[in-house]
C-alpha cells in the first residue's frame, strides 16, 4: 500500500484560496470548501473522471468556460499541483478508509458547509443521470448534501442547524462511495 498523499498545509490552503479568489477568477472560481466538495463528488461518484474533464470546473463552477491567466508556467504548475494534491488526498482517504474523511468545513463554520455541499452538487453535473438515479433511489443520502442551502448560497436552515446537517455528510459519503466503488 502506498503512503498517503500529504494533506495541504494551512499555508498551502491559504495560497490556493487566494488564487481562487483573485480578481481574474473571483466571480467564477470555487472557494476552497467548494473545491473540496466538488473533488469529493468526483472521487466518490459513479465513474472515474479524468482531470482534463473536471479541472475547468474549478476555475468556472457555473459553466467551465473561464480559464485562469497564470503568471507563468511555474505558477500554473504550482496551483494545479495544489489542486491535484487535494484531489489525491481525498482519493487516498476513500480508497483506504472512507470513514476517516473529515470535510474541511468541520473547521470553518456554517458558510463553509453550504459552499462544500454546493461544490459537491457541481461535481454531480459530470454524471447527472447516474446521480439523479441515486437520489431517487436513496433520498436519505441526498438530504445532507442538498438541505443546507439554496443555489444562491443562502442558508435554508435556522442558526445551528446547518452544522447539524453537516454532521450527516460524512456517513452519506461513505455510503455513496460503497454503492459506486465497484462501478469505478
C-alpha atoms as a PDB file:
ATOM      1  CA  UNK A   1       0.000   0.000   0.000  1.00  0.00           C
ATOM      2  CA  UNK A   2       1.421   3.406  -0.939  1.00  0.00           C
ATOM      3  CA  UNK A   3       1.966   6.237   1.519  1.00  0.00           C
ATOM      4  CA  UNK A   4      -0.988   8.606   1.786  1.00  0.00           C
ATOM      5  CA  UNK A   5      -0.825  11.896  -0.057  1.00  0.00           C
ATOM      6  CA  UNK A   6       0.278  14.655   2.270  1.00  0.00           C
ATOM      7  CA  UNK A   7      -2.521  16.962   3.421  1.00  0.00           C
ATOM      8  CA  UNK A   8      -2.286  20.559   2.213  1.00  0.00           C
ATOM      9  CA  UNK A   9      -0.870  22.746   4.964  1.00  0.00           C
ATOM     10  CA  UNK A  10      -2.819  25.773   6.197  1.00  0.00           C
ATOM     11  CA  UNK A  11      -0.392  27.972   4.231  1.00  0.00           C
ATOM     12  CA  UNK A  12      -0.979  25.961   1.052  1.00  0.00           C
ATOM     13  CA  UNK A  13      -4.755  26.103   1.525  1.00  0.00           C
ATOM     14  CA  UNK A  14      -4.442  29.880   2.002  1.00  0.00           C
ATOM     15  CA  UNK A  15      -2.314  30.167  -1.149  1.00  0.00           C
ATOM     16  CA  UNK A  16      -4.850  28.178  -3.154  1.00  0.00           C
ATOM     17  CA  UNK A  17      -7.716  30.187  -1.670  1.00  0.00           C
ATOM     18  CA  UNK A  18      -6.026  33.484  -2.588  1.00  0.00           C
ATOM     19  CA  UNK A  19      -5.567  32.361  -6.169  1.00  0.00           C
ATOM     20  CA  UNK A  20      -9.170  31.170  -6.474  1.00  0.00           C
ATOM     21  CA  UNK A  21     -10.380  34.489  -5.039  1.00  0.00           C
ATOM     22  CA  UNK A  22      -8.077  36.586  -7.248  1.00  0.00           C
ATOM     23  CA  UNK A  23      -9.564  39.416  -9.292  1.00  0.00           C
ATOM     24  CA  UNK A  24      -9.488  37.398 -12.505  1.00  0.00           C
ATOM     25  CA  UNK A  25     -11.441  34.477 -11.007  1.00  0.00           C
ATOM     26  CA  UNK A  26     -13.373  35.932  -8.064  1.00  0.00           C
ATOM     27  CA  UNK A  27     -16.717  35.780  -9.848  1.00  0.00           C
ATOM     28  CA  UNK A  28     -16.256  32.272 -11.262  1.00  0.00           C
ATOM     29  CA  UNK A  29     -13.831  30.073  -9.311  1.00  0.00           C
ATOM     30  CA  UNK A  30     -14.687  27.772  -6.445  1.00  0.00           C
ATOM     31  CA  UNK A  31     -13.724  28.580  -2.869  1.00  0.00           C
ATOM     32  CA  UNK A  32     -11.540  26.030  -1.078  1.00  0.00           C
ATOM     33  CA  UNK A  33     -14.521  24.402   0.725  1.00  0.00           C
ATOM     34  CA  UNK A  34     -16.468  24.307  -2.541  1.00  0.00           C
ATOM     35  CA  UNK A  35     -13.459  22.788  -4.301  1.00  0.00           C
ATOM     36  CA  UNK A  36     -13.148  20.039  -1.704  1.00  0.00           C
ATOM     37  CA  UNK A  37     -16.862  19.236  -2.020  1.00  0.00           C
ATOM     38  CA  UNK A  38     -16.551  19.144  -5.811  1.00  0.00           C
ATOM     39  CA  UNK A  39     -13.497  16.897  -5.744  1.00  0.00           C
ATOM     40  CA  UNK A  40     -15.194  14.604  -3.252  1.00  0.00           C
ATOM     41  CA  UNK A  41     -18.123  14.142  -5.662  1.00  0.00           C
ATOM     42  CA  UNK A  42     -15.639  13.335  -8.425  1.00  0.00           C
ATOM     43  CA  UNK A  43     -13.895  10.759  -6.196  1.00  0.00           C
ATOM     44  CA  UNK A  44     -16.996   9.009  -4.824  1.00  0.00           C
ATOM     45  CA  UNK A  45     -19.097   9.354  -7.996  1.00  0.00           C
ATOM     46  CA  UNK A  46     -20.326   6.666 -10.372  1.00  0.00           C
ATOM     47  CA  UNK A  47     -17.385   6.773 -12.786  1.00  0.00           C
ATOM     48  CA  UNK A  48     -13.744   7.674 -12.946  1.00  0.00           C
ATOM     49  CA  UNK A  49     -13.389  11.239 -14.205  1.00  0.00           C
ATOM     50  CA  UNK A  50     -10.048  12.406 -15.521  1.00  0.00           C
ATOM     51  CA  UNK A  51      -8.648  15.823 -14.533  1.00  0.00           C
ATOM     52  CA  UNK A  52      -8.921  17.141 -18.092  1.00  0.00           C
ATOM     53  CA  UNK A  53     -12.701  16.745 -17.734  1.00  0.00           C
ATOM     54  CA  UNK A  54     -13.117  18.298 -14.275  1.00  0.00           C
ATOM     55  CA  UNK A  55     -10.330  20.884 -13.933  1.00  0.00           C
ATOM     56  CA  UNK A  56     -12.112  23.604 -15.956  1.00  0.00           C
ATOM     57  CA  UNK A  57     -14.968  23.498 -13.411  1.00  0.00           C
ATOM     58  CA  UNK A  58     -12.553  24.569 -10.667  1.00  0.00           C
ATOM     59  CA  UNK A  59     -11.925  27.904 -12.402  1.00  0.00           C
ATOM     60  CA  UNK A  60     -15.536  28.381 -13.505  1.00  0.00           C
ATOM     61  CA  UNK A  61     -18.028  26.344 -11.486  1.00  0.00           C
ATOM     62  CA  UNK A  62     -21.058  27.615 -13.413  1.00  0.00           C
ATOM     63  CA  UNK A  63     -20.137  26.530 -16.937  1.00  0.00           C
ATOM     64  CA  UNK A  64     -16.402  25.678 -17.130  1.00  0.00           C
ATOM     65  CA  UNK A  65     -15.595  28.401 -19.666  1.00  0.00           C
ATOM     66  CA  UNK A  66     -13.280  30.775 -17.782  1.00  0.00           C
ATOM     67  CA  UNK A  67      -9.614  29.810 -17.779  1.00  0.00           C
ATOM     68  CA  UNK A  68      -7.117  31.304 -15.354  1.00  0.00           C
ATOM     69  CA  UNK A  69      -4.371  33.610 -16.536  1.00  0.00           C
ATOM     70  CA  UNK A  70      -1.376  32.311 -14.614  1.00  0.00           C
ATOM     71  CA  UNK A  71       1.687  34.498 -14.055  1.00  0.00           C
ATOM     72  CA  UNK A  72       3.902  31.939 -15.807  1.00  0.00           C
ATOM     73  CA  UNK A  73       4.328  28.202 -16.300  1.00  0.00           C
ATOM     74  CA  UNK A  74       5.759  27.737 -12.798  1.00  0.00           C
ATOM     75  CA  UNK A  75       2.732  29.449 -11.262  1.00  0.00           C
ATOM     76  CA  UNK A  76       0.343  27.307 -13.311  1.00  0.00           C
ATOM     77  CA  UNK A  77       2.209  24.183 -12.288  1.00  0.00           C
ATOM     78  CA  UNK A  78       2.141  25.193  -8.596  1.00  0.00           C
ATOM     79  CA  UNK A  79      -1.605  25.941  -8.479  1.00  0.00           C
ATOM     80  CA  UNK A  80      -2.589  22.836 -10.445  1.00  0.00           C
ATOM     81  CA  UNK A  81      -0.291  20.751  -8.229  1.00  0.00           C
ATOM     82  CA  UNK A  82      -2.122  22.035  -5.134  1.00  0.00           C
ATOM     83  CA  UNK A  83      -5.489  21.141  -6.661  1.00  0.00           C
ATOM     84  CA  UNK A  84      -4.210  17.706  -7.664  1.00  0.00           C
ATOM     85  CA  UNK A  85      -2.783  17.066  -4.196  1.00  0.00           C
ATOM     86  CA  UNK A  86      -6.149  17.913  -2.672  1.00  0.00           C
ATOM     87  CA  UNK A  87      -7.793  15.507  -5.115  1.00  0.00           C
ATOM     88  CA  UNK A  88      -5.219  12.785  -4.443  1.00  0.00           C
ATOM     89  CA  UNK A  89      -5.636  13.177  -0.676  1.00  0.00           C
ATOM     90  CA  UNK A  90      -9.415  12.754  -0.922  1.00  0.00           C
ATOM     91  CA  UNK A  91      -8.998   9.759  -3.217  1.00  0.00           C
ATOM     92  CA  UNK A  92      -6.440   8.156  -0.871  1.00  0.00           C
ATOM     93  CA  UNK A  93      -8.758   8.500   2.106  1.00  0.00           C
ATOM     94  CA  UNK A  94     -11.738   6.987   0.308  1.00  0.00           C
ATOM     95  CA  UNK A  95      -9.667   4.106  -1.056  1.00  0.00           C
ATOM     96  CA  UNK A  96      -8.069   3.260   2.272  1.00  0.00           C
ATOM     97  CA  UNK A  97     -10.560   4.244   4.957  1.00  0.00           C
ATOM     98  CA  UNK A  98     -13.595   6.217   3.809  1.00  0.00           C
ATOM     99  CA  UNK A  99     -14.931   6.651   7.336  1.00  0.00           C
ATOM    100  CA  UNK A 100     -11.826   8.710   8.188  1.00  0.00           C
ATOM    101  CA  UNK A 101     -12.763  11.505   5.777  1.00  0.00           C
ATOM    102  CA  UNK A 102     -13.298  14.832   7.537  1.00  0.00           C
ATOM    103  CA  UNK A 103     -14.616  17.616   5.296  1.00  0.00           C
ATOM    104  CA  UNK A 104     -12.779  20.899   5.563  1.00  0.00           C
ATOM    105  CA  UNK A 105     -15.995  22.618   6.624  1.00  0.00           C
ATOM    106  CA  UNK A 106     -15.822  20.999  10.056  1.00  0.00           C
ATOM    107  CA  UNK A 107     -13.164  23.606  10.884  1.00  0.00           C
ATOM    108  CA  UNK A 108     -14.656  26.557   9.013  1.00  0.00           C
ATOM    109  CA  UNK A 109     -18.291  27.083  10.035  1.00  0.00           C
ATOM    110  CA  UNK A 110     -21.743  27.235   8.515  1.00  0.00           C
ATOM    111  CA  UNK A 111     -20.922  29.178   5.335  1.00  0.00           C
ATOM    112  CA  UNK A 112     -18.282  26.565   4.508  1.00  0.00           C
ATOM    113  CA  UNK A 113     -20.869  23.743   4.887  1.00  0.00           C
ATOM    114  CA  UNK A 114     -23.091  25.424   2.311  1.00  0.00           C
ATOM    115  CA  UNK A 115     -20.181  26.062  -0.076  1.00  0.00           C
ATOM    116  CA  UNK A 116     -18.897  22.498   0.371  1.00  0.00           C
ATOM    117  CA  UNK A 117     -22.298  20.997  -0.424  1.00  0.00           C
ATOM    118  CA  UNK A 118     -22.704  23.338  -3.387  1.00  0.00           C
ATOM    119  CA  UNK A 119     -19.339  22.135  -4.724  1.00  0.00           C
ATOM    120  CA  UNK A 120     -20.416  18.540  -4.259  1.00  0.00           C
ATOM    121  CA  UNK A 121     -23.548  19.206  -6.282  1.00  0.00           C
ATOM    122  CA  UNK A 122     -21.472  20.835  -9.050  1.00  0.00           C
ATOM    123  CA  UNK A 123     -19.487  17.598  -9.160  1.00  0.00           C
ATOM    124  CA  UNK A 124     -22.672  15.632  -9.770  1.00  0.00           C
ATOM    125  CA  UNK A 125     -23.045  17.502 -13.095  1.00  0.00           C
ATOM    126  CA  UNK A 126     -20.311  15.268 -14.509  1.00  0.00           C
ATOM    127  CA  UNK A 127     -22.703  12.270 -14.428  1.00  0.00           C
ATOM    128  CA  UNK A 128     -26.144  13.838 -13.949  1.00  0.00           C
ATOM    129  CA  UNK A 129     -28.237  10.812 -14.944  1.00  0.00           C
ATOM    130  CA  UNK A 130     -26.461   8.441 -12.564  1.00  0.00           C
ATOM    131  CA  UNK A 131     -26.672  10.911  -9.671  1.00  0.00           C
ATOM    132  CA  UNK A 132     -30.366  11.570 -10.341  1.00  0.00           C
ATOM    133  CA  UNK A 133     -30.938   7.817 -10.244  1.00  0.00           C
ATOM    134  CA  UNK A 134     -29.181   7.562  -6.885  1.00  0.00           C
ATOM    135  CA  UNK A 135     -31.077  10.500  -5.399  1.00  0.00           C
ATOM    136  CA  UNK A 136     -34.359   8.886  -6.484  1.00  0.00           C
ATOM    137  CA  UNK A 137     -33.388   5.518  -5.016  1.00  0.00           C
ATOM    138  CA  UNK A 138     -31.662   6.863  -1.857  1.00  0.00           C
ATOM    139  CA  UNK A 139     -33.124  10.269  -0.944  1.00  0.00           C
ATOM    140  CA  UNK A 140     -31.711   9.922   2.563  1.00  0.00           C
ATOM    141  CA  UNK A 141     -28.200  10.141   1.064  1.00  0.00           C
ATOM    142  CA  UNK A 142     -29.093  13.289  -0.868  1.00  0.00           C
ATOM    143  CA  UNK A 143     -30.651  15.132   2.074  1.00  0.00           C
ATOM    144  CA  UNK A 144     -27.496  16.208   3.952  1.00  0.00           C
ATOM    145  CA  UNK A 145     -25.900  17.370   0.692  1.00  0.00           C
ATOM    146  CA  UNK A 146     -28.899  19.332  -0.590  1.00  0.00           C
ATOM    147  CA  UNK A 147     -30.621  20.615   2.561  1.00  0.00           C
ATOM    148  CA  UNK A 148     -28.208  23.247   3.999  1.00  0.00           C
ATOM    149  CA  UNK A 149     -28.625  25.961   1.347  1.00  0.00           C
ATOM    150  CA  UNK A 150     -30.074  27.273  -1.872  1.00  0.00           C
ATOM    151  CA  UNK A 151     -28.381  27.670  -5.252  1.00  0.00           C
ATOM    152  CA  UNK A 152     -27.696  31.280  -4.287  1.00  0.00           C
ATOM    153  CA  UNK A 153     -25.831  30.154  -1.158  1.00  0.00           C
ATOM    154  CA  UNK A 154     -28.451  31.314   1.336  1.00  0.00           C
ATOM    155  CA  UNK A 155     -28.983  29.054   4.300  1.00  0.00           C
ATOM    156  CA  UNK A 156     -32.402  27.424   4.382  1.00  0.00           C
ATOM    157  CA  UNK A 157     -31.949  26.381   7.979  1.00  0.00           C
ATOM    158  CA  UNK A 158     -32.009  28.249  11.271  1.00  0.00           C
ATOM    159  CA  UNK A 159     -28.821  29.103  13.148  1.00  0.00           C
ATOM    160  CA  UNK A 160     -27.030  25.969  14.289  1.00  0.00           C
ATOM    161  CA  UNK A 161     -28.979  23.591  12.058  1.00  0.00           C
ATOM    162  CA  UNK A 162     -26.513  23.853   9.167  1.00  0.00           C
ATOM    163  CA  UNK A 163     -23.758  22.299  11.273  1.00  0.00           C
ATOM    164  CA  UNK A 164     -26.137  19.563  12.430  1.00  0.00           C
ATOM    165  CA  UNK A 165     -26.867  18.672   8.804  1.00  0.00           C
ATOM    166  CA  UNK A 166     -23.146  18.911   8.071  1.00  0.00           C
ATOM    167  CA  UNK A 167     -22.509  16.104  10.562  1.00  0.00           C
ATOM    168  CA  UNK A 168     -24.644  13.838   8.369  1.00  0.00           C
ATOM    169  CA  UNK A 169     -22.454  14.443   5.311  1.00  0.00           C
ATOM    170  CA  UNK A 170     -19.524  12.081   6.102  1.00  0.00           C
ATOM    171  CA  UNK A 171     -21.710   8.984   6.689  1.00  0.00           C
ATOM    172  CA  UNK A 172     -23.638   9.760   3.491  1.00  0.00           C
ATOM    173  CA  UNK A 173     -20.346   9.991   1.582  1.00  0.00           C
ATOM    174  CA  UNK A 174     -19.215   6.610   2.912  1.00  0.00           C
ATOM    175  CA  UNK A 175     -22.492   5.043   1.745  1.00  0.00           C
ATOM    176  CA  UNK A 176     -22.276   6.700  -1.688  1.00  0.00           C
ATOM    177  CA  UNK A 177     -18.669   5.578  -2.053  1.00  0.00           C
ATOM    178  CA  UNK A 178     -19.626   1.982  -1.194  1.00  0.00           C
ATOM    179  CA  UNK A 179     -22.511   1.955  -3.674  1.00  0.00           C
ATOM    180  CA  UNK A 180     -20.399   3.103  -6.610  1.00  0.00           C
ATOM    181  CA  UNK A 181     -16.991   1.730  -5.718  1.00  0.00           C
ATOM    182  CA  UNK A 182     -17.379  -1.362  -7.913  1.00  0.00           C
ATOM    183  CA  UNK A 183     -18.609   0.703 -10.872  1.00  0.00           C
ATOM    184  CA  UNK A 184     -15.450   2.784 -10.834  1.00  0.00           C
END
